[in-house]
C-alpha atoms as a PDB file:
ATOM      1  CA  MET A   1       4.721 -24.221  35.159  1.00  0.00           C
ATOM      2  CA  THR A   2       7.012 -21.550  36.454  1.00  0.00           C
ATOM      3  CA  ARG A   3       6.188 -17.874  36.442  1.00  0.00           C
ATOM      4  CA  LEU A   4       8.771 -17.189  33.692  1.00  0.00           C
ATOM      5  CA  LYS A   5       7.249 -19.804  31.385  1.00  0.00           C
ATOM      6  CA  LYS A   6       3.736 -18.439  31.951  1.00  0.00           C
ATOM      7  CA  THR A   7       4.851 -14.887  31.249  1.00  0.00           C
ATOM      8  CA  THR A   8       6.748 -15.948  28.139  1.00  0.00           C
ATOM      9  CA  LEU A   9       3.746 -17.891  26.854  1.00  0.00           C
ATOM     10  CA  ALA A  10       1.431 -14.927  27.476  1.00  0.00           C
ATOM     11  CA  VAL A  11       3.790 -12.552  25.635  1.00  0.00           C
ATOM     12  CA  VAL A  12       4.107 -14.922  22.665  1.00  0.00           C
ATOM     13  CA  ILE A  13       0.329 -15.352  22.425  1.00  0.00           C
ATOM     14  CA  LEU A  14      -0.208 -11.592  22.664  1.00  0.00           C
ATOM     15  CA  LEU A  15       2.434 -10.988  19.986  1.00  0.00           C
ATOM     16  CA  ILE A  16       0.783 -13.507  17.640  1.00  0.00           C
ATOM     17  CA  ILE A  17      -2.607 -11.820  18.168  1.00  0.00           C
ATOM     18  CA  VAL A  18      -1.197  -8.332  17.469  1.00  0.00           C
ATOM     19  CA  ILE A  19       0.702  -9.452  14.345  1.00  0.00           C
ATOM     20  CA  GLY A  20      -2.319 -11.361  13.037  1.00  0.00           C
ATOM     21  CA  GLY A  21      -4.572  -8.380  13.714  1.00  0.00           C
ATOM     22  CA  GLY A  22      -2.077  -6.131  11.930  1.00  0.00           C
ATOM     23  CA  TYR A  23      -2.144  -8.234   8.790  1.00  0.00           C
ATOM     24  CA  LEU A  24      -5.950  -8.415   8.885  1.00  0.00           C
ATOM     25  CA  SER A  25      -6.205  -4.656   9.349  1.00  0.00           C
ATOM     26  CA  ALA A  26      -3.813  -4.010   6.457  1.00  0.00           C
ATOM     27  CA  ARG A  27      -5.645  -6.479   4.231  1.00  0.00           C
ATOM     28  CA  ALA A  28      -8.980  -4.802   4.973  1.00  0.00           C
ATOM     29  CA  ALA A  29      -7.565  -1.370   4.062  1.00  0.00           C
ATOM     30  CA  GLN A  30      -6.140  -2.427   0.675  1.00  0.00           C
ATOM     31  CA  LYS A  31      -9.303  -1.766  -1.379  1.00  0.00           C
ATOM     32  CA  ARG A  32      -9.837   1.638   0.258  1.00  0.00           C
ATOM     33  CA  ILE A  33      -6.232   2.651  -0.464  1.00  0.00           C
ATOM     34  CA  GLU A  34      -6.469   1.513  -4.087  1.00  0.00           C
ATOM     35  CA  GLN A  35      -9.670   3.540  -4.452  1.00  0.00           C
ATOM     36  CA  GLN A  36      -7.985   6.651  -2.997  1.00  0.00           C
ATOM     37  CA  LEU A  37      -5.056   6.325  -5.407  1.00  0.00           C
ATOM     38  CA  ARG A  38      -7.366   5.749  -8.378  1.00  0.00           C
ATOM     39  CA  GLU A  39      -9.354   8.878  -7.453  1.00  0.00           C
ATOM     40  CA  TYR A  40      -6.086  10.828  -7.153  1.00  0.00           C
ATOM     41  CA  VAL A  41      -4.973   9.718 -10.631  1.00  0.00           C
ATOM     42  CA  LEU A  42      -8.327  10.619 -12.180  1.00  0.00           C
ATOM     43  CA  GLU A  43      -8.683  13.910 -10.288  1.00  0.00           C
ATOM     44  CA  HIS A  44      -5.220  15.143 -11.278  1.00  0.00           C
ATOM     45  CA  LYS A  45      -5.616  13.792 -14.834  1.00  0.00           C
ATOM     46  CA  ILE A  46      -2.336  11.903 -14.660  1.00  0.00           C
ATOM     47  CA  SER A  47      -1.677  10.418 -18.072  1.00  0.00           C
ATOM     48  CA  GLY A  48       1.224   9.019 -20.014  1.00  0.00           C
ATOM     49  CA  PHE A  49       2.147   7.701 -23.397  1.00  0.00           C
ATOM     50  CA  ASP A  50       3.562   4.479 -24.733  1.00  0.00           C
ATOM     51  CA  LEU A  51       4.549   3.183 -28.151  1.00  0.00           C
ATOM     52  CA  ARG A  52       0.893   2.892 -29.184  1.00  0.00           C
ATOM     53  CA  GLY A  53      -0.002   6.470 -28.214  1.00  0.00           C
ATOM     54  CA  PRO A  54      -1.487   8.299 -25.248  1.00  0.00           C
ATOM     55  CA  VAL A  55      -2.486   6.432 -22.083  1.00  0.00           C
ATOM     56  CA  PRO A  56      -5.494   8.109 -20.425  1.00  0.00           C
ATOM     57  CA  PRO A  57      -5.854   8.229 -16.621  1.00  0.00           C
ATOM     58  CA  SER A  58      -8.508   5.494 -16.712  1.00  0.00           C
ATOM     59  CA  ARG A  59      -5.973   2.979 -18.119  1.00  0.00           C
ATOM     60  CA  ILE A  60      -3.307   3.531 -15.448  1.00  0.00           C
ATOM     61  CA  GLU A  61      -3.267   0.514 -13.157  1.00  0.00           C
ATOM     62  CA  VAL A  62      -3.244   1.015  -9.388  1.00  0.00           C
ATOM     63  CA  TYR A  63      -1.868  -1.700  -7.087  1.00  0.00           C
ATOM     64  CA  SER A  64      -1.513  -2.241  -3.369  1.00  0.00           C
ATOM     65  CA  GLU A  65       0.250  -4.803  -1.238  1.00  0.00           C
ATOM     66  CA  VAL A  66       0.608  -5.597   2.440  1.00  0.00           C
ATOM     67  CA  ARG A  67       4.256  -5.204   3.431  1.00  0.00           C
ATOM     68  CA  PHE A  68       4.205  -5.630   7.212  1.00  0.00           C
ATOM     69  CA  PRO A  69       1.544  -5.788   9.895  1.00  0.00           C
ATOM     70  CA  PHE A  70      -0.408  -2.514   9.706  1.00  0.00           C
ATOM     71  CA  VAL A  71       1.557  -1.323   6.601  1.00  0.00           C
ATOM     72  CA  VAL A  72       0.111  -1.124   3.064  1.00  0.00           C
ATOM     73  CA  VAL A  73       1.971   0.187   0.010  1.00  0.00           C
ATOM     74  CA  GLY A  74      -0.091   1.559  -2.867  1.00  0.00           C
ATOM     75  CA  SER A  75       1.519   2.238  -6.228  1.00  0.00           C
ATOM     76  CA  TYR A  76       0.960   3.086  -9.855  1.00  0.00           C
ATOM     77  CA  ALA A  77       3.238   3.451 -12.882  1.00  0.00           C
ATOM     78  CA  VAL A  78       2.823   6.096 -15.564  1.00  0.00           C
ATOM     79  CA  PRO A  79       4.319   5.039 -18.920  1.00  0.00           C
ATOM     80  CA  ARG A  80       6.683   7.484 -20.624  1.00  0.00           C
ATOM     81  CA  ASP A  81       7.439   5.936 -24.016  1.00  0.00           C
ATOM     82  CA  MET A  82       9.843   3.071 -23.237  1.00  0.00           C
ATOM     83  CA  HIS A  83      10.300   4.234 -19.647  1.00  0.00           C
ATOM     84  CA  ALA A  84       7.970   4.820 -16.723  1.00  0.00           C
ATOM     85  CA  SER A  85       7.527   6.962 -13.660  1.00  0.00           C
ATOM     86  CA  TYR A  86       6.694   4.889 -10.610  1.00  0.00           C
ATOM     87  CA  TYR A  87       4.779   6.388  -7.704  1.00  0.00           C
ATOM     88  CA  ARG A  88       4.646   4.621  -4.340  1.00  0.00           C
ATOM     89  CA  THR A  89       2.705   5.655  -1.244  1.00  0.00           C
ATOM     90  CA  THR A  90       3.050   3.918   2.113  1.00  0.00           C
ATOM     91  CA  TYR A  91       0.169   3.914   4.597  1.00  0.00           C
ATOM     92  CA  LEU A  92      -0.244   2.880   8.212  1.00  0.00           C
ATOM     93  CA  ALA A  93      -3.512   0.909   8.257  1.00  0.00           C
ATOM     94  CA  LEU A  94      -5.009   0.792  11.724  1.00  0.00           C
ATOM     95  CA  PRO A  95      -8.516  -0.552  12.401  1.00  0.00           C
ATOM     96  CA  TRP A  96      -9.873   3.000  12.950  1.00  0.00           C
ATOM     97  CA  GLY A  97      -8.230   4.662   9.928  1.00  0.00           C
ATOM     98  CA  THR A  98      -5.348   4.919   7.486  1.00  0.00           C
ATOM     99  CA  TYR A  99      -2.494   7.380   7.805  1.00  0.00           C
ATOM    100  CA  LEU A 100       0.051   8.466   5.214  1.00  0.00           C
ATOM    101  CA  LEU A 101       3.617   7.456   6.102  1.00  0.00           C
ATOM    102  CA  SER A 102       5.577   8.372   2.964  1.00  0.00           C
ATOM    103  CA  LYS A 103       5.353   9.174  -0.738  1.00  0.00           C
ATOM    104  CA  ASP A 104       8.050   8.214  -3.240  1.00  0.00           C
ATOM    105  CA  GLU A 105       8.462   9.152  -6.883  1.00  0.00           C
ATOM    106  CA  ILE A 106      10.860   7.072  -8.941  1.00  0.00           C
ATOM    107  CA  HIS A 107      11.733   7.916 -12.541  1.00  0.00           C
ATOM    108  CA  LEU A 108      13.047   4.850 -14.320  1.00  0.00           C
ATOM    109  CA  VAL A 109      15.451   5.367 -17.188  1.00  0.00           C
END
């Protein structure tokens, strides 16, 4: 095997390990991120209303998904009658901690 082939193989293997580790790290952080968002909703008493009446903070669903290696997006939607306000927070999930990347607020009409 030539030196170029060995180097290429080593880089590909290293890249696969880093990407796999990134997805595992993000997957492990999902529950912690969902818990942080749920605490935020309850602490700030974020509530909404739908056609059946008021929606208390305990009924607002919090979700998270792995988007890329080391990236987790947590979100929740607050109903506003027939519309909703959608809140999305993006985190960098490294093995030693999570870091806030961005916060988005989308008002659907």
